Amino acid sequence: MSLKKTVIITGASSGIGLGLVKAFLGRDYNVVGNARSSSGLDAAAAELGHPAGFIGVAGDIADPATSTALITQAVKAFGAVDGLVNNAGFFLPKPFVEYSPQDLDALLDTNLKGLVYASQAAAAHMIGRQQGFIINISAAVALQPNIQVPAALPVLIKGGVNQMTRALALELSPHNIKVNAVAPGIIDTPMHDPAHREFLDNLAPAGRVGTVEEIAEAVLYLAGADFTTGAILPVDGGMSTGKW
């Protein structure tokens, strides 16, 4: 059994998720990473240098069995789970009338169902230990919609995630479990076309996109902030402050 703390990170094979894995390993955590494909997790492990404190558990996070497996494998490998970061998700901006039923199903599966199932599994484990933290990755546009980025369905879902974060913080507080969220703005990841960089830089008062490392710093802060729960922390260069 490891004496180090252990965190589960969903959507861990690339982008913000992989950055979070690196950040937690750098803070001497064990990390259990989830992604849809084992090949993506294998590539991530190779990039990380195959650290002893990292294991990957492949599976669709929209399937409740995946969340059960994450807890089971984490306990088997490291003894217990101290935290969960619900990072798995994707952003799909488009005019509202153009969203298809398939778009809605995909957004609900990954961005909402996956978060709910993972949080249920983690909370049940953490209640038994009377300690832990859950951090949800939300979106700044859910705090302040932007006419330049039409995204009504992601706003609907991430806005619900924000409210669930607050409700769950209250419910789990008696069990010494903190529940918070980080709301990223536009972050420099491979999902963004470099040809759109000037437009993206101008979406925030800061005049630039954010970095994966800046999101990781916010998540690490919340992971260790014992007197903070129910918070939605924007990391967006001022994007959610209001119209500007």
C-alpha atoms as a PDB file:
ATOM      1  CA  MET A   1       0.000   0.000   0.000  1.00  0.00           C
ATOM      2  CA  SER A   2       1.361   3.395  -0.976  1.00  0.00           C
ATOM      3  CA  LEU A   3       1.690   6.163   1.609  1.00  0.00           C
ATOM      4  CA  LYS A   4       1.357   8.778  -1.119  1.00  0.00           C
ATOM      5  CA  LYS A   5      -1.978  10.320  -1.977  1.00  0.00           C
ATOM      6  CA  THR A   6      -3.767   9.006  -5.033  1.00  0.00           C
ATOM      7  CA  VAL A   7      -5.867  10.939  -7.550  1.00  0.00           C
ATOM      8  CA  ILE A   8      -8.016   9.723 -10.435  1.00  0.00           C
ATOM      9  CA  ILE A   9      -7.997  11.912 -13.551  1.00  0.00           C
ATOM     10  CA  THR A  10     -10.422  11.336 -16.404  1.00  0.00           C
ATOM     11  CA  GLY A  11      -9.601  12.347 -19.963  1.00  0.00           C
ATOM     12  CA  ALA A  12      -5.959  11.842 -19.029  1.00  0.00           C
ATOM     13  CA  SER A  13      -4.270  10.940 -22.314  1.00  0.00           C
ATOM     14  CA  SER A  14      -3.839  14.399 -23.863  1.00  0.00           C
ATOM     15  CA  GLY A  15      -4.348  18.146 -23.509  1.00  0.00           C
ATOM     16  CA  ILE A  16      -5.380  19.445 -20.097  1.00  0.00           C
ATOM     17  CA  GLY A  17      -5.767  15.907 -18.755  1.00  0.00           C
ATOM     18  CA  LEU A  18      -2.189  14.914 -19.522  1.00  0.00           C
ATOM     19  CA  GLY A  19      -1.005  18.214 -18.079  1.00  0.00           C
ATOM     20  CA  LEU A  20      -2.883  17.408 -14.878  1.00  0.00           C
ATOM     21  CA  VAL A  21      -1.267  13.972 -14.719  1.00  0.00           C
ATOM     22  CA  LYS A  22       2.183  15.577 -14.990  1.00  0.00           C
ATOM     23  CA  ALA A  23       1.319  18.176 -12.349  1.00  0.00           C
ATOM     24  CA  PHE A  24       0.048  15.671  -9.776  1.00  0.00           C
ATOM     25  CA  LEU A  25       2.984  13.329 -10.356  1.00  0.00           C
ATOM     26  CA  GLY A  26       5.208  16.361  -9.781  1.00  0.00           C
ATOM     27  CA  ARG A  27       3.496  16.823  -6.397  1.00  0.00           C
ATOM     28  CA  ASP A  28       4.271  13.212  -5.485  1.00  0.00           C
ATOM     29  CA  TYR A  29       0.781  11.836  -6.026  1.00  0.00           C
ATOM     30  CA  ASN A  30      -0.031   8.468  -7.469  1.00  0.00           C
ATOM     31  CA  VAL A  31      -2.220   8.991 -10.529  1.00  0.00           C
ATOM     32  CA  VAL A  32      -4.825   6.709 -12.077  1.00  0.00           C
ATOM     33  CA  GLY A  33      -5.611   8.029 -15.535  1.00  0.00           C
ATOM     34  CA  ASN A  34      -8.650   7.207 -17.618  1.00  0.00           C
ATOM     35  CA  ALA A  35      -9.155   7.605 -21.353  1.00  0.00           C
ATOM     36  CA  ARG A  36     -11.333   5.899 -23.895  1.00  0.00           C
ATOM     37  CA  SER A  37      -8.492   3.966 -25.560  1.00  0.00           C
ATOM     38  CA  SER A  38      -5.625   1.970 -24.102  1.00  0.00           C
ATOM     39  CA  SER A  39      -3.377   3.145 -26.939  1.00  0.00           C
ATOM     40  CA  GLY A  40      -3.812   6.764 -25.838  1.00  0.00           C
ATOM     41  CA  LEU A  41      -2.946   5.856 -22.262  1.00  0.00           C
ATOM     42  CA  ASP A  42       0.068   3.841 -23.416  1.00  0.00           C
ATOM     43  CA  ALA A  43       1.319   6.844 -25.380  1.00  0.00           C
ATOM     44  CA  ALA A  44       0.793   9.084 -22.362  1.00  0.00           C
ATOM     45  CA  ALA A  45       2.702   6.670 -20.111  1.00  0.00           C
ATOM     46  CA  ALA A  46       5.563   6.628 -22.609  1.00  0.00           C
ATOM     47  CA  GLU A  47       5.650  10.422 -22.709  1.00  0.00           C
ATOM     48  CA  LEU A  48       5.721  10.474 -18.915  1.00  0.00           C
ATOM     49  CA  GLY A  49       8.608   7.993 -18.850  1.00  0.00           C
ATOM     50  CA  HIS A  50       6.529   5.108 -17.447  1.00  0.00           C
ATOM     51  CA  PRO A  51       6.544   6.343 -13.826  1.00  0.00           C
ATOM     52  CA  ALA A  52       5.766   3.795 -11.127  1.00  0.00           C
ATOM     53  CA  GLY A  53       3.102   6.100  -9.710  1.00  0.00           C
ATOM     54  CA  PHE A  54       0.941   6.100 -12.853  1.00  0.00           C
ATOM     55  CA  ILE A  55      -1.486   3.504 -14.129  1.00  0.00           C
ATOM     56  CA  GLY A  56      -3.981   3.793 -16.954  1.00  0.00           C
ATOM     57  CA  VAL A  57      -7.494   2.358 -16.962  1.00  0.00           C
ATOM     58  CA  ALA A  58      -9.131   2.460 -20.389  1.00  0.00           C
ATOM     59  CA  GLY A  59     -12.881   2.686 -20.840  1.00  0.00           C
ATOM     60  CA  ASP A  60     -15.752   4.925 -21.832  1.00  0.00           C
ATOM     61  CA  ILE A  61     -16.422   7.208 -18.866  1.00  0.00           C
ATOM     62  CA  ALA A  62     -20.114   7.308 -19.886  1.00  0.00           C
ATOM     63  CA  ASP A  63     -20.318   3.637 -18.842  1.00  0.00           C
ATOM     64  CA  PRO A  64     -20.777   3.320 -15.050  1.00  0.00           C
ATOM     65  CA  ALA A  65     -18.631   0.174 -15.104  1.00  0.00           C
ATOM     66  CA  THR A  66     -15.626   2.302 -16.056  1.00  0.00           C
ATOM     67  CA  SER A  67     -15.944   4.395 -12.902  1.00  0.00           C
ATOM     68  CA  THR A  68     -16.243   1.273 -10.792  1.00  0.00           C
ATOM     69  CA  ALA A  69     -13.102  -0.110 -12.435  1.00  0.00           C
ATOM     70  CA  LEU A  70     -11.215   3.137 -11.760  1.00  0.00           C
ATOM     71  CA  ILE A  71     -11.859   2.886  -8.029  1.00  0.00           C
ATOM     72  CA  THR A  72     -11.147  -0.843  -7.946  1.00  0.00           C
ATOM     73  CA  GLN A  73      -7.856  -0.550  -9.839  1.00  0.00           C
ATOM     74  CA  ALA A  74      -6.750   2.483  -7.821  1.00  0.00           C
ATOM     75  CA  VAL A  75      -7.349   0.694  -4.531  1.00  0.00           C
ATOM     76  CA  LYS A  76      -5.647  -2.438  -5.815  1.00  0.00           C
ATOM     77  CA  ALA A  77      -2.568  -0.531  -6.970  1.00  0.00           C
ATOM     78  CA  PHE A  78      -2.265   2.178  -4.325  1.00  0.00           C
ATOM     79  CA  GLY A  79      -4.550   1.331  -1.394  1.00  0.00           C
ATOM     80  CA  ALA A  80      -7.077   4.176  -1.510  1.00  0.00           C
ATOM     81  CA  VAL A  81      -8.343   7.149  -3.510  1.00  0.00           C
ATOM     82  CA  ASP A  82      -7.878  10.665  -2.151  1.00  0.00           C
ATOM     83  CA  GLY A  83      -9.144  12.728  -5.074  1.00  0.00           C
ATOM     84  CA  LEU A  84     -10.952  12.785  -8.395  1.00  0.00           C
ATOM     85  CA  VAL A  85     -10.558  15.294 -11.210  1.00  0.00           C
ATOM     86  CA  ASN A  86     -13.451  15.125 -13.670  1.00  0.00           C
ATOM     87  CA  ASN A  87     -11.613  16.388 -16.727  1.00  0.00           C
ATOM     88  CA  ALA A  88     -13.060  14.213 -19.506  1.00  0.00           C
ATOM     89  CA  GLY A  89     -15.132  16.270 -21.879  1.00  0.00           C
ATOM     90  CA  PHE A  90     -15.201  18.110 -25.160  1.00  0.00           C
ATOM     91  CA  PHE A  91     -16.370  21.499 -26.387  1.00  0.00           C
ATOM     92  CA  LEU A  92     -18.718  21.756 -29.344  1.00  0.00           C
ATOM     93  CA  PRO A  93     -19.558  25.348 -30.321  1.00  0.00           C
ATOM     94  CA  LYS A  94     -22.111  25.912 -33.071  1.00  0.00           C
ATOM     95  CA  PRO A  95     -25.347  27.835 -33.632  1.00  0.00           C
ATOM     96  CA  PHE A  96     -28.084  26.427 -31.402  1.00  0.00           C
ATOM     97  CA  VAL A  97     -30.386  25.356 -34.245  1.00  0.00           C
ATOM     98  CA  GLU A  98     -27.579  23.313 -35.814  1.00  0.00           C
ATOM     99  CA  TYR A  99     -27.069  20.932 -32.882  1.00  0.00           C
ATOM    100  CA  SER A 100     -28.154  17.422 -33.844  1.00  0.00           C
ATOM    101  CA  PRO A 101     -29.614  14.732 -31.581  1.00  0.00           C
ATOM    102  CA  GLN A 102     -26.254  12.952 -31.938  1.00  0.00           C
ATOM    103  CA  ASP A 103     -24.431  16.081 -30.717  1.00  0.00           C
ATOM    104  CA  LEU A 104     -26.676  16.270 -27.658  1.00  0.00           C
ATOM    105  CA  ASP A 105     -26.217  12.587 -26.848  1.00  0.00           C
ATOM    106  CA  ALA A 106     -22.431  12.841 -27.165  1.00  0.00           C
ATOM    107  CA  LEU A 107     -22.240  15.933 -24.966  1.00  0.00           C
ATOM    108  CA  LEU A 108     -24.484  14.381 -22.331  1.00  0.00           C
ATOM    109  CA  ASP A 109     -22.563  11.091 -22.337  1.00  0.00           C
ATOM    110  CA  THR A 110     -19.079  12.503 -21.859  1.00  0.00           C
ATOM    111  CA  ASN A 111     -19.606  15.885 -20.224  1.00  0.00           C
ATOM    112  CA  LEU A 112     -22.429  14.967 -17.851  1.00  0.00           C
ATOM    113  CA  LYS A 113     -23.001  11.225 -17.406  1.00  0.00           C
ATOM    114  CA  GLY A 114     -19.292  10.490 -17.119  1.00  0.00           C
ATOM    115  CA  LEU A 115     -18.873  13.164 -14.474  1.00  0.00           C
ATOM    116  CA  VAL A 116     -21.867  11.896 -12.499  1.00  0.00           C
ATOM    117  CA  TYR A 117     -20.817   8.238 -12.559  1.00  0.00           C
ATOM    118  CA  ALA A 118     -17.193   8.988 -11.642  1.00  0.00           C
ATOM    119  CA  SER A 119     -18.278  11.314  -8.842  1.00  0.00           C
ATOM    120  CA  GLN A 120     -20.714   8.744  -7.440  1.00  0.00           C
ATOM    121  CA  ALA A 121     -18.062   6.032  -7.355  1.00  0.00           C
ATOM    122  CA  ALA A 122     -15.460   8.329  -5.834  1.00  0.00           C
ATOM    123  CA  ALA A 123     -17.855   9.841  -3.287  1.00  0.00           C
ATOM    124  CA  ALA A 124     -18.965   6.413  -2.063  1.00  0.00           C
ATOM    125  CA  HIS A 125     -15.322   5.460  -1.509  1.00  0.00           C
ATOM    126  CA  MET A 126     -14.414   8.794   0.110  1.00  0.00           C
ATOM    127  CA  ILE A 127     -17.420   8.747   2.456  1.00  0.00           C
ATOM    128  CA  GLY A 128     -16.081   5.462   3.789  1.00  0.00           C
ATOM    129  CA  ARG A 129     -12.750   7.162   4.482  1.00  0.00           C
ATOM    130  CA  GLN A 130     -14.275  10.485   5.646  1.00  0.00           C
ATOM    131  CA  GLN A 131     -11.910  12.501   3.487  1.00  0.00           C
ATOM    132  CA  GLY A 132     -11.187  13.439  -0.117  1.00  0.00           C
ATOM    133  CA  PHE A 133     -11.710  15.967  -2.876  1.00  0.00           C
ATOM    134  CA  ILE A 134     -13.547  16.167  -6.188  1.00  0.00           C
ATOM    135  CA  ILE A 135     -12.623  18.817  -8.751  1.00  0.00           C
ATOM    136  CA  ASN A 136     -14.754  19.340 -11.846  1.00  0.00           C
ATOM    137  CA  ILE A 137     -13.439  20.958 -15.007  1.00  0.00           C
ATOM    138  CA  SER A 138     -16.168  23.341 -16.114  1.00  0.00           C
ATOM    139  CA  ALA A 139     -15.938  26.197 -18.652  1.00  0.00           C
ATOM    140  CA  ALA A 140     -15.713  29.971 -18.405  1.00  0.00           C
ATOM    141  CA  VAL A 141     -18.379  30.345 -21.082  1.00  0.00           C
ATOM    142  CA  ALA A 142     -20.859  28.746 -18.672  1.00  0.00           C
ATOM    143  CA  LEU A 143     -20.245  31.657 -16.292  1.00  0.00           C
ATOM    144  CA  GLN A 144     -20.492  34.323 -19.002  1.00  0.00           C
ATOM    145  CA  PRO A 145     -21.822  33.320 -22.447  1.00  0.00           C
ATOM    146  CA  ASN A 146     -20.092  35.018 -25.363  1.00  0.00           C
ATOM    147  CA  ILE A 147     -21.840  35.908 -28.610  1.00  0.00           C
ATOM    148  CA  GLN A 148     -18.584  35.224 -30.471  1.00  0.00           C
ATOM    149  CA  VAL A 149     -18.641  31.626 -29.254  1.00  0.00           C
ATOM    150  CA  PRO A 150     -22.156  30.223 -29.723  1.00  0.00           C
ATOM    151  CA  ALA A 151     -22.285  27.182 -27.448  1.00  0.00           C
ATOM    152  CA  ALA A 152     -25.718  26.908 -25.849  1.00  0.00           C
ATOM    153  CA  LEU A 153     -25.573  23.157 -25.221  1.00  0.00           C
ATOM    154  CA  PRO A 154     -22.108  23.159 -23.608  1.00  0.00           C
ATOM    155  CA  VAL A 155     -23.256  26.157 -21.537  1.00  0.00           C
ATOM    156  CA  LEU A 156     -26.365  24.211 -20.492  1.00  0.00           C
ATOM    157  CA  ILE A 157     -24.326  21.194 -19.398  1.00  0.00           C
ATOM    158  CA  LYS A 158     -21.369  22.995 -17.806  1.00  0.00           C
ATOM    159  CA  GLY A 159     -23.741  25.395 -16.070  1.00  0.00           C
ATOM    160  CA  GLY A 160     -25.407  22.362 -14.548  1.00  0.00           C
ATOM    161  CA  VAL A 161     -21.998  21.030 -13.530  1.00  0.00           C
ATOM    162  CA  ASN A 162     -21.319  24.312 -11.720  1.00  0.00           C
ATOM    163  CA  GLN A 163     -24.556  24.049  -9.762  1.00  0.00           C
ATOM    164  CA  MET A 164     -23.981  20.380  -9.000  1.00  0.00           C
ATOM    165  CA  THR A 165     -20.542  21.315  -7.690  1.00  0.00           C
ATOM    166  CA  ARG A 166     -22.127  23.682  -5.185  1.00  0.00           C
ATOM    167  CA  ALA A 167     -24.872  21.252  -4.183  1.00  0.00           C
ATOM    168  CA  LEU A 168     -22.461  18.339  -3.777  1.00  0.00           C
ATOM    169  CA  ALA A 169     -20.076  20.489  -1.756  1.00  0.00           C
ATOM    170  CA  LEU A 170     -22.850  21.008   0.773  1.00  0.00           C
ATOM    171  CA  GLU A 171     -23.901  17.365   0.780  1.00  0.00           C
ATOM    172  CA  LEU A 172     -20.395  15.966   1.210  1.00  0.00           C
ATOM    173  CA  SER A 173     -19.012  18.588   3.576  1.00  0.00           C
ATOM    174  CA  PRO A 174     -19.990  16.592   6.697  1.00  0.00           C
ATOM    175  CA  HIS A 175     -17.769  13.802   5.378  1.00  0.00           C
ATOM    176  CA  ASN A 176     -14.714  16.081   5.017  1.00  0.00           C
ATOM    177  CA  ILE A 177     -14.916  15.898   1.217  1.00  0.00           C
ATOM    178  CA  LYS A 178     -14.280  19.114  -0.721  1.00  0.00           C
ATOM    179  CA  VAL A 179     -15.995  19.668  -4.080  1.00  0.00           C
ATOM    180  CA  ASN A 180     -14.859  22.505  -6.334  1.00  0.00           C
ATOM    181  CA  ALA A 181     -14.573  23.366 -10.014  1.00  0.00           C
ATOM    182  CA  VAL A 182     -12.127  25.104 -12.315  1.00  0.00           C
ATOM    183  CA  ALA A 183     -13.637  26.999 -15.247  1.00  0.00           C
ATOM    184  CA  PRO A 184     -11.045  27.324 -18.026  1.00  0.00           C
ATOM    185  CA  GLY A 185     -11.251  29.904 -20.748  1.00  0.00           C
ATOM    186  CA  ILE A 186      -9.579  29.271 -24.092  1.00  0.00           C
ATOM    187  CA  ILE A 187      -6.557  27.060 -23.405  1.00  0.00           C
ATOM    188  CA  ASP A 188      -3.664  26.294 -25.738  1.00  0.00           C
ATOM    189  CA  THR A 189      -4.233  22.633 -26.596  1.00  0.00           C
ATOM    190  CA  PRO A 190      -4.072  20.620 -29.832  1.00  0.00           C
ATOM    191  CA  MET A 191      -7.876  20.913 -30.206  1.00  0.00           C
ATOM    192  CA  HIS A 192      -7.497  24.504 -31.446  1.00  0.00           C
ATOM    193  CA  ASP A 193      -6.516  25.265 -35.041  1.00  0.00           C
ATOM    194  CA  PRO A 194      -3.392  27.507 -35.048  1.00  0.00           C
ATOM    195  CA  ALA A 195      -4.994  29.458 -37.895  1.00  0.00           C
ATOM    196  CA  HIS A 196      -7.588  30.732 -35.400  1.00  0.00           C
ATOM    197  CA  ARG A 197      -5.021  31.882 -32.819  1.00  0.00           C
ATOM    198  CA  GLU A 198      -5.467  35.637 -33.278  1.00  0.00           C
ATOM    199  CA  PHE A 199      -9.248  35.325 -32.873  1.00  0.00           C
ATOM    200  CA  LEU A 200      -8.830  33.145 -29.773  1.00  0.00           C
ATOM    201  CA  ASP A 201      -6.269  35.507 -28.221  1.00  0.00           C
ATOM    202  CA  ASN A 202      -8.765  38.346 -28.470  1.00  0.00           C
ATOM    203  CA  LEU A 203     -11.593  36.538 -26.659  1.00  0.00           C
ATOM    204  CA  ALA A 204     -10.243  37.501 -23.211  1.00  0.00           C
ATOM    205  CA  PRO A 205      -9.180  40.841 -21.729  1.00  0.00           C
ATOM    206  CA  ALA A 206      -5.765  39.319 -21.039  1.00  0.00           C
ATOM    207  CA  GLY A 207      -5.222  39.251 -24.808  1.00  0.00           C
ATOM    208  CA  ARG A 208      -4.001  35.671 -24.961  1.00  0.00           C
ATOM    209  CA  VAL A 209      -5.063  32.089 -24.505  1.00  0.00           C
ATOM    210  CA  GLY A 210      -4.193  30.259 -21.317  1.00  0.00           C
ATOM    211  CA  THR A 211      -1.772  27.402 -20.829  1.00  0.00           C
ATOM    212  CA  VAL A 212      -2.374  23.876 -19.614  1.00  0.00           C
ATOM    213  CA  GLU A 213       0.046  24.593 -16.781  1.00  0.00           C
ATOM    214  CA  GLU A 214      -2.143  27.470 -15.578  1.00  0.00           C
ATOM    215  CA  ILE A 215      -5.140  25.145 -15.346  1.00  0.00           C
ATOM    216  CA  ALA A 216      -3.020  22.586 -13.503  1.00  0.00           C
ATOM    217  CA  GLU A 217      -1.894  25.204 -10.983  1.00  0.00           C
ATOM    218  CA  ALA A 218      -5.519  26.053 -10.190  1.00  0.00           C
ATOM    219  CA  VAL A 219      -6.467  22.389  -9.799  1.00  0.00           C
ATOM    220  CA  LEU A 220      -3.497  21.750  -7.508  1.00  0.00           C
ATOM    221  CA  TYR A 221      -4.483  24.744  -5.405  1.00  0.00           C
ATOM    222  CA  LEU A 222      -8.011  23.413  -4.943  1.00  0.00           C
ATOM    223  CA  ALA A 223      -6.703  19.919  -4.211  1.00  0.00           C
ATOM    224  CA  GLY A 224      -4.861  21.312  -1.192  1.00  0.00           C
ATOM    225  CA  ALA A 225      -7.262  24.075  -0.129  1.00  0.00           C
ATOM    226  CA  ASP A 226      -8.796  22.606   3.011  1.00  0.00           C
ATOM    227  CA  PHE A 227     -11.082  25.603   3.686  1.00  0.00           C
ATOM    228  CA  THR A 228     -12.434  25.935   0.145  1.00  0.00           C
ATOM    229  CA  THR A 229     -15.460  24.010  -1.079  1.00  0.00           C
ATOM    230  CA  GLY A 230     -18.284  24.839  -3.466  1.00  0.00           C
ATOM    231  CA  ALA A 231     -16.062  27.261  -5.411  1.00  0.00           C
ATOM    232  CA  ILE A 232     -16.061  27.772  -9.183  1.00  0.00           C
ATOM    233  CA  LEU A 233     -12.608  29.158 -10.002  1.00  0.00           C
ATOM    234  CA  PRO A 234     -12.308  30.880 -13.404  1.00  0.00           C
ATOM    235  CA  VAL A 235      -8.937  30.587 -15.121  1.00  0.00           C
ATOM    236  CA  ASP A 236      -9.773  32.527 -18.240  1.00  0.00           C
ATOM    237  CA  GLY A 237      -7.856  35.786 -18.524  1.00  0.00           C
ATOM    238  CA  GLY A 238     -10.958  37.701 -17.461  1.00  0.00           C
ATOM    239  CA  MET A 239     -13.205  36.175 -20.113  1.00  0.00           C
ATOM    240  CA  SER A 240     -16.057  35.493 -17.664  1.00  0.00           C
ATOM    241  CA  THR A 241     -15.885  38.883 -15.942  1.00  0.00           C
ATOM    242  CA  GLY A 242     -18.494  40.377 -18.266  1.00  0.00           C
ATOM    243  CA  LYS A 243     -18.967  42.125 -21.588  1.00  0.00           C
ATOM    244  CA  TRP A 244     -15.906  44.092 -22.641  1.00  0.00           C
END
